[in-house]
Amino acid sequence: MKGLKITNRWTVVVGAILIQLALGAIYAWSVFTALLTDPNGDYGFSATQTAWVFSIGLATFAVVMVFAGKWQAKSGPTIVALTGGLVLGAGYILGGIFGSSFLAQLLFIGVLGGAGIGLAYVVPIAVGVKWFPDKKGLITGLAVAGFGFGATIWVKLAGSWFGGLLNTSSAFGLPSVQSVFVIYGIVFAIMVVLGSLVMVNPPAGYKPEGYEPPVNHTAKTSGGVEFDSSHMLRTKQFYAIWVVFIFSALAGLMVIYCIKLFGIDALEYNGIANAGVITGTAMAWYAIFNGLGRIVWGMISDKLGRKRAIFYMTLFQGVIMLMIYHIFIRFGVTSGFIASACIIGFNFGGNFALFPAITADFFGNNTVGKNYGWMFTAYGFAGIAGPQLAGHFKDSATASSGPVVWMAPFIIAGVACLIGSVIILLTKPPK
């Protein structure tokens, strides 16, 4: 299937952002967790169960990306992105209609919705790098920035904008959570299908005006040496970067899952009123800074090189995760909570600009669509480990534990980030 004829390469960026706005749905999951875990509500899920829906969605997303990378290299990007949009939309619509049980939400929102995201996600990255070999960091950041910004839209629409869909909607007579799933599913499908029409590879031999491919294969400017996936998987550099990706992503994914539950515990423990409203605000700012981080860290990496940018990002994230309670005390509970969410979101967003770009740097621009799918399996591992880590400690706590129960998972995630910063510093490009 062929998309539209592209005469201006920035058209691809517009389509990429439109797709990613819809795919950011998975990061809005926290807006549903309070209602899903309410023991007196329609569902009565445990914190671990809601974590599993999120984790399975992330893991399916990562695994399907491997297949999607191969498929788009063979059949072209348009059909892969379009299919992803339809599968994502179907997952949420079916999750709305049949999602009264944990297993139904796990299957439709987690597995089917995650598969749709995995199909569509790799396409804007692969296409963008080919159109912009001169601005890989910036373009991968822009291409995936919509993912973070999209989460803000879906969180606020569900929680507060125009009265909040969770408070006002009852599509098909469904409970509010399932009603929002149906509405979102329809919107997601339309957005991704429209964006897929401009997901078109450049002509063979395309080079931007004034651009000359780099001669030396270095960490700062490279992509001239092409590794196929089987060759890449035999390099120690792949596994070093893969582990760093797991450690870095684990922190951000854990916070995305638990930010509402953790925030309510911490704020109410300190006597702060309107904890639910404040956590909703923090979730929205997290998503905004997540999107900004993808762009800014991508631009930084174009200046400093991908390796140094990843080092600074993981180091900064590790320090913040370890300091989060001190930030609360120093700057005040409410402002400290929101500030922490912004910083963690900003650093987490950098992963999605830096890791596809370093995959292209180390293993080739033209094969990044296939190779990044393998690299992105790290995100799937982190998607299970991070939320389950938080969910386990939360479910193991007693009612009187207070917010201190969250300290252990924050420390574990922070130390993992610091270890990741050391590993990336010692990793050299393959020859």
Protein backbone atom coordinates (compact mmCIF):
# COMPACT_ATOMS: atom_id res chain seq x y z
CA MET A 1 0.00 0.00 0.00
CA LYS A 2 1.40 3.40 -0.98
CA GLY A 3 0.82 6.62 0.90
CA LEU A 4 0.72 10.15 -0.46
CA LYS A 5 3.55 11.55 -2.55
CA ILE A 6 5.84 13.58 -0.28
CA THR A 7 7.32 16.81 -1.62
CA ASN A 8 8.31 18.34 1.73
CA ARG A 9 10.03 16.08 4.26
CA TRP A 10 8.51 18.01 7.20
CA THR A 11 5.13 16.60 6.18
CA VAL A 12 6.40 13.26 7.50
CA VAL A 13 7.06 14.86 10.89
CA VAL A 14 3.47 16.16 11.07
CA GLY A 15 2.11 12.68 10.30
CA ALA A 16 4.50 11.13 12.84
CA ILE A 17 3.30 13.43 15.61
CA LEU A 18 -0.35 12.74 14.79
CA ILE A 19 0.27 8.99 15.06
CA GLN A 20 2.21 9.31 18.28
CA LEU A 21 -0.44 11.49 19.92
CA ALA A 22 -2.79 8.53 19.68
CA LEU A 23 -0.19 5.96 20.72
CA GLY A 24 0.44 7.91 23.94
CA ALA A 25 -2.80 6.40 25.20
CA ILE A 26 -0.88 3.78 27.14
CA TYR A 27 0.77 6.45 29.28
CA ALA A 28 -2.64 7.71 30.38
CA TRP A 29 -3.33 4.46 32.23
CA SER A 30 -2.83 6.03 35.67
CA VAL A 31 -5.95 8.15 35.20
CA PHE A 32 -8.02 4.94 35.36
CA THR A 33 -6.24 3.17 38.24
CA ALA A 34 -8.00 4.95 41.13
CA LEU A 35 -11.45 3.93 39.82
CA LEU A 36 -10.30 0.43 38.93
CA THR A 37 -8.82 -0.19 42.40
CA ASP A 38 -11.71 1.38 44.35
CA PRO A 39 -12.97 -1.50 46.55
CA ASN A 40 -16.47 0.00 46.48
CA GLY A 41 -16.46 0.72 42.75
CA ASP A 42 -17.43 -1.27 39.65
CA TYR A 43 -14.20 -3.29 39.44
CA GLY A 44 -12.32 -3.74 42.74
CA PHE A 45 -9.02 -4.63 41.03
CA SER A 46 -5.87 -4.86 43.14
CA ALA A 47 -2.92 -2.53 42.48
CA THR A 48 -1.02 -5.52 41.09
CA GLN A 49 -3.83 -6.35 38.66
CA THR A 50 -3.94 -2.80 37.27
CA ALA A 51 -0.16 -2.94 37.02
CA TRP A 52 -0.46 -6.13 34.95
CA VAL A 53 -2.76 -4.50 32.39
CA PHE A 54 -0.19 -1.72 31.98
CA SER A 55 2.78 -4.10 32.00
CA ILE A 56 1.30 -6.50 29.46
CA GLY A 57 0.46 -3.55 27.22
CA LEU A 58 4.07 -2.37 27.37
CA ALA A 59 5.52 -5.85 26.87
CA THR A 60 3.23 -6.59 23.90
CA PHE A 61 4.10 -3.19 22.46
CA ALA A 62 7.82 -4.04 22.62
CA VAL A 63 7.56 -7.60 21.26
CA VAL A 64 5.29 -6.65 18.35
CA MET A 65 7.75 -3.91 17.37
CA VAL A 66 10.24 -6.61 16.32
CA PHE A 67 7.70 -8.02 13.87
CA ALA A 68 6.60 -4.53 12.77
CA GLY A 69 10.17 -3.52 11.96
CA LYS A 70 10.58 -6.49 9.66
CA TRP A 71 7.16 -6.02 8.08
CA GLN A 72 7.62 -2.33 7.30
CA ALA A 73 11.03 -3.05 5.73
CA LYS A 74 9.38 -5.61 3.44
CA SER A 75 5.94 -4.13 2.70
CA GLY A 76 6.47 -0.43 3.32
CA PRO A 77 5.57 1.78 6.29
CA THR A 78 2.08 2.94 5.29
CA ILE A 79 0.29 -0.39 5.62
CA VAL A 80 2.02 -1.20 8.92
CA ALA A 81 1.05 2.09 10.54
CA LEU A 82 -2.52 1.88 9.23
CA THR A 83 -2.92 -1.66 10.59
CA GLY A 84 -1.54 -0.54 13.93
CA GLY A 85 -4.15 2.20 14.18
CA LEU A 86 -7.01 -0.19 13.45
CA VAL A 87 -5.75 -2.78 15.95
CA LEU A 88 -5.25 -0.13 18.66
CA GLY A 89 -8.73 1.26 18.08
CA ALA A 90 -10.27 -2.20 18.14
CA GLY A 91 -8.51 -3.03 21.41
CA TYR A 92 -9.93 -0.03 23.21
CA ILE A 93 -13.41 -0.36 21.72
CA LEU A 94 -13.62 -4.04 22.68
CA GLY A 95 -12.09 -3.23 26.08
CA GLY A 96 -14.91 -0.78 26.58
CA ILE A 97 -17.71 -3.11 25.48
CA PHE A 98 -16.49 -6.26 27.27
CA GLY A 99 -14.06 -4.85 29.87
CA SER A 100 -15.97 -5.42 33.08
CA SER A 101 -13.44 -8.01 34.27
CA PHE A 102 -9.70 -7.97 34.83
CA LEU A 103 -9.06 -10.66 32.20
CA ALA A 104 -11.04 -8.77 29.56
CA GLN A 105 -9.10 -5.56 30.17
CA LEU A 106 -5.82 -7.50 30.20
CA LEU A 107 -6.66 -9.03 26.80
CA PHE A 108 -8.19 -6.06 24.99
CA ILE A 109 -6.41 -3.05 26.49
CA GLY A 110 -3.16 -4.82 27.34
CA VAL A 111 -2.57 -7.35 24.56
CA LEU A 112 -4.60 -6.00 21.62
CA GLY A 113 -4.06 -2.31 22.41
CA GLY A 114 -0.36 -2.92 23.05
CA ALA A 115 -0.05 -4.78 19.75
CA GLY A 116 -1.57 -1.85 17.87
CA ILE A 117 0.89 0.56 19.46
CA GLY A 118 3.80 -1.77 18.65
CA LEU A 119 2.80 -1.96 14.99
CA ALA A 120 2.49 1.79 14.50
CA TYR A 121 5.25 3.07 16.78
CA VAL A 122 8.33 2.00 14.83
CA VAL A 123 7.11 3.48 11.53
CA PRO A 124 7.58 7.22 12.26
CA ILE A 125 11.06 6.53 13.65
CA ALA A 126 12.21 4.44 10.70
CA VAL A 127 10.76 6.82 8.13
CA GLY A 128 11.98 9.94 9.94
CA VAL A 129 15.61 8.80 10.17
CA LYS A 130 15.66 8.13 6.41
CA TRP A 131 14.28 11.59 5.57
CA PHE A 132 16.49 13.35 8.16
CA PRO A 133 19.92 11.64 8.36
CA ASP A 134 21.31 15.11 9.16
CA LYS A 135 19.10 15.61 12.25
CA LYS A 136 18.59 12.15 13.72
CA GLY A 137 18.43 13.21 17.36
CA LEU A 138 16.02 16.07 16.75
CA ILE A 139 13.77 14.13 14.39
CA THR A 140 13.52 10.98 16.50
CA GLY A 141 12.66 13.32 19.40
CA LEU A 142 9.99 15.14 17.40
CA ALA A 143 8.68 11.89 15.90
CA VAL A 144 7.97 10.42 19.32
CA ALA A 145 7.23 13.65 21.22
CA GLY A 146 3.56 13.21 20.46
CA PHE A 147 3.60 10.04 22.55
CA GLY A 148 4.25 12.07 25.70
CA PHE A 149 2.07 15.03 24.76
CA GLY A 150 -0.73 12.65 23.78
CA ALA A 151 -0.80 11.24 27.29
CA THR A 152 -1.49 14.75 28.61
CA ILE A 153 -4.48 15.12 26.30
CA TRP A 154 -5.98 11.74 27.20
CA VAL A 155 -5.37 12.21 30.95
CA LYS A 156 -6.95 15.65 31.06
CA LEU A 157 -9.86 14.74 28.78
CA ALA A 158 -10.68 11.78 30.98
CA GLY A 159 -10.06 13.50 34.29
CA SER A 160 -10.94 17.19 34.14
CA TRP A 161 -11.31 18.96 30.78
CA PHE A 162 -14.94 19.79 30.00
CA GLY A 163 -15.94 18.16 33.27
CA GLY A 164 -13.87 15.01 32.62
CA LEU A 165 -15.11 12.13 30.47
CA LEU A 166 -14.84 9.80 33.47
CA ASN A 167 -17.41 12.02 35.19
CA THR A 168 -19.71 12.78 32.27
CA SER A 169 -19.66 9.97 29.70
CA SER A 170 -21.83 6.85 29.49
CA ALA A 171 -21.44 5.68 25.90
CA PHE A 172 -23.71 2.70 25.16
CA GLY A 173 -24.82 2.80 28.81
CA LEU A 174 -21.38 1.57 29.94
CA PRO A 175 -19.66 2.49 33.22
CA SER A 176 -17.45 5.57 32.93
CA VAL A 177 -14.10 3.75 32.51
CA GLN A 178 -15.42 1.47 29.76
CA SER A 179 -17.26 4.36 28.13
CA VAL A 180 -14.01 6.32 27.84
CA PHE A 181 -12.28 3.26 26.36
CA VAL A 182 -14.86 3.16 23.53
CA ILE A 183 -14.59 6.89 22.80
CA TYR A 184 -10.81 6.78 22.84
CA GLY A 185 -10.68 3.71 20.61
CA ILE A 186 -12.61 5.46 17.85
CA VAL A 187 -10.47 8.59 18.08
CA PHE A 188 -7.18 6.65 18.14
CA ALA A 189 -8.04 4.68 15.02
CA ILE A 190 -8.93 7.82 13.04
CA MET A 191 -5.76 9.67 14.07
CA VAL A 192 -3.33 6.85 13.26
CA VAL A 193 -4.98 6.04 9.92
CA LEU A 194 -4.69 9.69 8.85
CA GLY A 195 -1.03 9.89 9.94
CA SER A 196 -0.19 6.64 8.14
CA LEU A 197 -0.98 8.22 4.77
CA VAL A 198 2.24 10.28 4.87
CA MET A 199 4.44 7.51 6.24
CA VAL A 200 6.39 7.10 2.99
CA ASN A 201 10.09 6.30 2.54
CA PRO A 202 12.24 8.77 0.56
CA PRO A 203 13.40 7.84 -2.95
CA ALA A 204 16.42 5.52 -3.22
CA GLY A 205 19.67 7.42 -2.76
CA TYR A 206 17.94 10.41 -1.19
CA LYS A 207 20.14 12.99 0.57
CA PRO A 208 18.99 16.31 2.05
CA GLU A 209 20.41 19.34 0.27
CA GLY A 210 23.93 20.09 1.49
CA TYR A 211 24.21 16.87 3.49
CA GLU A 212 27.15 14.50 3.09
CA PRO A 213 27.19 11.15 4.93
CA PRO A 214 29.89 10.94 7.62
CA VAL A 215 33.14 9.23 6.72
CA ASN A 216 34.07 7.97 10.19
CA HIS A 217 31.85 5.60 12.13
CA THR A 218 31.89 7.31 15.50
CA ALA A 219 29.47 7.64 18.39
CA LYS A 220 28.87 11.27 17.54
CA THR A 221 28.09 11.09 13.82
CA SER A 222 27.63 7.72 12.23
CA GLY A 223 25.08 5.41 10.71
CA GLY A 224 27.18 4.72 7.64
CA VAL A 225 27.92 1.10 8.57
CA GLU A 226 24.87 -1.12 8.21
CA PHE A 227 24.38 -4.13 10.51
CA ASP A 228 21.56 -6.55 9.88
CA SER A 229 19.71 -7.73 12.97
CA SER A 230 21.49 -11.08 13.24
CA HIS A 231 24.89 -9.37 13.14
CA MET A 232 23.82 -6.69 15.61
CA LEU A 233 22.60 -9.34 18.07
CA ARG A 234 26.10 -10.83 18.10
CA THR A 235 27.73 -7.61 19.32
CA LYS A 236 28.40 -6.84 22.98
CA GLN A 237 27.47 -3.22 22.30
CA PHE A 238 23.87 -4.20 21.60
CA TYR A 239 23.51 -5.90 24.98
CA ALA A 240 25.22 -3.05 26.83
CA ILE A 241 22.83 -0.48 25.34
CA TRP A 242 19.89 -2.86 25.85
CA VAL A 243 20.62 -3.17 29.59
CA VAL A 244 21.01 0.60 29.95
CA PHE A 245 17.65 1.05 28.22
CA ILE A 246 16.01 -1.36 30.70
CA PHE A 247 17.47 0.45 33.72
CA SER A 248 16.61 3.92 32.42
CA ALA A 249 13.08 3.05 31.28
CA LEU A 250 12.27 1.14 34.49
CA ALA A 251 12.26 4.35 36.55
CA GLY A 252 9.95 6.29 34.26
CA LEU A 253 7.52 3.42 33.70
CA MET A 254 7.27 2.75 37.41
CA VAL A 255 6.34 6.41 38.03
CA ILE A 256 3.83 6.45 35.15
CA TYR A 257 2.05 3.48 36.68
CA CYS A 258 2.09 4.63 40.33
CA ILE A 259 2.06 8.42 40.14
CA LYS A 260 -1.63 8.69 41.06
CA LEU A 261 -1.58 6.03 43.80
CA PHE A 262 1.73 7.27 45.21
CA GLY A 263 0.68 10.92 45.00
CA ILE A 264 -2.61 10.36 46.81
CA ASP A 265 -0.83 8.42 49.57
CA ALA A 266 1.85 11.09 50.03
CA LEU A 267 -0.45 14.11 49.81
CA GLU A 268 -3.18 12.76 52.08
CA TYR A 269 -0.57 11.60 54.63
CA ASN A 270 0.66 15.21 54.78
CA GLY A 271 -2.86 16.58 55.18
CA ILE A 272 -3.15 18.04 51.68
CA ALA A 273 -6.72 18.45 50.43
CA ASN A 274 -7.79 17.69 46.84
CA ALA A 275 -5.09 15.03 46.44
CA GLY A 276 -6.89 13.55 43.42
CA VAL A 277 -6.89 16.88 41.57
CA ILE A 278 -3.22 17.51 42.37
CA THR A 279 -2.17 14.08 41.16
CA GLY A 280 -4.10 14.63 37.94
CA THR A 281 -2.19 17.87 37.43
CA ALA A 282 1.10 16.10 38.13
CA MET A 283 0.23 13.38 35.62
CA ALA A 284 -0.47 15.99 32.97
CA TRP A 285 2.79 17.85 33.64
CA TYR A 286 4.67 14.54 33.64
CA ALA A 287 3.33 13.83 30.16
CA ILE A 288 4.12 17.35 28.90
CA PHE A 289 7.71 17.15 30.13
CA ASN A 290 7.92 13.61 28.77
CA GLY A 291 7.22 15.07 25.32
CA LEU A 292 9.61 17.98 25.83
CA GLY A 293 12.34 15.62 27.00
CA ARG A 294 12.15 13.68 23.75
CA ILE A 295 12.81 16.84 21.74
CA VAL A 296 15.35 18.50 24.03
CA TRP A 297 17.44 15.38 24.73
CA GLY A 298 17.43 14.65 21.00
CA MET A 299 18.79 18.14 20.29
CA ILE A 300 21.37 17.77 23.07
CA SER A 301 22.54 14.47 21.60
CA ASP A 302 23.05 16.07 18.18
CA LYS A 303 25.51 18.43 19.89
CA LEU A 304 27.17 16.19 22.49
CA GLY A 305 26.80 12.78 20.89
CA ARG A 306 24.35 10.06 21.83
CA LYS A 307 26.59 8.29 24.33
CA ARG A 308 27.31 11.37 26.45
CA ALA A 309 23.66 12.41 26.32
CA ILE A 310 22.51 9.00 27.60
CA PHE A 311 25.14 9.16 30.35
CA TYR A 312 23.91 12.55 31.60
CA MET A 313 20.25 11.54 31.27
CA THR A 314 20.56 8.31 33.29
CA LEU A 315 22.81 9.94 35.88
CA PHE A 316 20.34 12.81 36.38
CA GLN A 317 17.39 10.40 36.58
CA GLY A 318 19.11 8.21 39.15
CA VAL A 319 19.89 11.17 41.40
CA ILE A 320 16.31 12.50 41.20
CA MET A 321 14.78 9.09 41.99
CA LEU A 322 16.95 8.83 45.10
CA MET A 323 16.19 12.41 46.18
CA ILE A 324 12.43 12.48 45.66
CA TYR A 325 11.50 12.57 49.35
CA HIS A 326 14.08 15.26 50.06
CA ILE A 327 12.58 17.34 47.24
CA PHE A 328 9.17 16.97 48.89
CA ILE A 329 10.53 18.25 52.21
CA ARG A 330 12.62 21.09 50.76
CA PHE A 331 10.12 22.59 48.33
CA GLY A 332 6.83 21.61 49.93
CA VAL A 333 4.75 18.49 49.41
CA THR A 334 2.52 19.71 46.58
CA SER A 335 5.07 21.68 44.56
CA GLY A 336 7.75 19.06 45.26
CA PHE A 337 5.51 16.28 44.00
CA ILE A 338 4.70 18.12 40.76
CA ALA A 339 8.34 19.21 40.25
CA SER A 340 9.55 15.63 40.74
CA ALA A 341 6.99 14.36 38.23
CA CYS A 342 8.17 16.94 35.68
CA ILE A 343 11.87 16.08 36.03
CA ILE A 344 11.34 12.32 35.95
CA GLY A 345 9.05 12.67 32.93
CA PHE A 346 11.59 14.90 31.14
CA ASN A 347 14.41 12.40 31.60
CA PHE A 348 12.22 9.42 30.79
CA GLY A 349 11.18 11.07 27.54
CA GLY A 350 14.81 11.28 26.49
CA ASN A 351 14.95 7.50 26.17
CA PHE A 352 12.75 7.59 23.09
CA ALA A 353 14.94 10.06 21.24
CA LEU A 354 18.33 8.75 22.33
CA PHE A 355 17.99 4.97 22.05
CA PRO A 356 16.66 4.85 18.46
CA ALA A 357 19.30 7.43 17.50
CA ILE A 358 22.17 5.48 19.08
CA THR A 359 20.82 2.32 17.42
CA ALA A 360 21.10 4.13 14.08
CA ASP A 361 24.54 5.50 15.01
CA PHE A 362 25.99 2.16 16.06
CA PHE A 363 24.21 -0.20 13.66
CA GLY A 364 23.09 1.84 10.62
CA ASN A 365 20.46 4.34 9.46
CA ASN A 366 18.83 2.17 6.82
CA THR A 367 18.37 -0.83 9.12
CA VAL A 368 17.13 1.07 12.17
CA GLY A 369 13.51 0.09 11.49
CA LYS A 370 14.36 -3.58 11.92
CA ASN A 371 17.10 -3.21 14.52
CA TYR A 372 15.31 -0.86 16.88
CA GLY A 373 12.52 -3.38 17.32
CA TRP A 374 15.05 -5.69 18.97
CA MET A 375 16.51 -2.86 21.04
CA PHE A 376 13.02 -1.86 22.14
CA THR A 377 12.41 -5.24 23.78
CA ALA A 378 14.29 -3.64 26.68
CA TYR A 379 11.29 -1.39 27.14
CA GLY A 380 9.08 -4.47 27.40
CA PHE A 381 11.22 -5.88 30.22
CA ALA A 382 11.18 -2.51 31.97
CA GLY A 383 7.42 -2.29 31.43
CA ILE A 384 6.96 -5.46 33.47
CA ALA A 385 9.62 -4.80 36.11
CA GLY A 386 8.81 -1.15 36.91
CA PRO A 387 5.03 -1.30 37.49
CA GLN A 388 5.22 -4.73 39.16
CA LEU A 389 7.90 -3.42 41.51
CA ALA A 390 5.63 -0.59 42.61
CA GLY A 391 2.48 -2.73 42.69
CA HIS A 392 4.18 -5.40 44.83
CA PHE A 393 5.30 -2.97 47.52
CA LYS A 394 1.91 -1.24 47.53
CA ASP A 395 -0.09 -4.46 47.91
CA SER A 396 2.31 -5.73 50.61
CA ALA A 397 1.85 -2.64 52.76
CA THR A 398 -0.54 -2.27 55.65
CA ALA A 399 -3.14 0.47 55.75
CA SER A 400 -1.03 2.40 58.28
CA SER A 401 2.20 2.30 56.29
CA GLY A 402 1.74 5.70 54.65
CA PRO A 403 3.83 6.87 51.71
CA VAL A 404 7.03 5.32 53.09
CA VAL A 405 6.01 2.09 51.33
CA TRP A 406 7.02 3.73 48.04
CA MET A 407 10.59 4.46 49.17
CA ALA A 408 12.00 1.01 48.32
CA PRO A 409 10.91 0.94 44.65
CA PHE A 410 12.20 4.49 44.14
CA ILE A 411 15.59 3.54 45.58
CA ILE A 412 15.82 0.40 43.43
CA ALA A 413 14.96 2.34 40.28
CA GLY A 414 17.40 5.13 41.15
CA VAL A 415 20.32 2.76 41.70
CA ALA A 416 19.52 0.99 38.42
CA CYS A 417 19.75 4.33 36.57
CA LEU A 418 23.13 5.10 38.13
CA ILE A 419 24.45 1.67 37.09
CA GLY A 420 23.17 2.33 33.57
CA SER A 421 25.11 5.62 33.41
CA VAL A 422 28.35 3.75 34.17
CA ILE A 423 27.66 1.03 31.57
CA ILE A 424 26.98 3.49 28.73
CA LEU A 425 30.13 5.44 29.59
CA LEU A 426 32.18 2.26 29.05
CA THR A 427 30.47 1.26 25.78
CA LYS A 428 32.32 1.96 22.51
CA PRO A 429 30.85 1.82 18.98
CA PRO A 430 31.26 -1.49 17.12
CA LYS A 431 33.80 -1.62 14.31
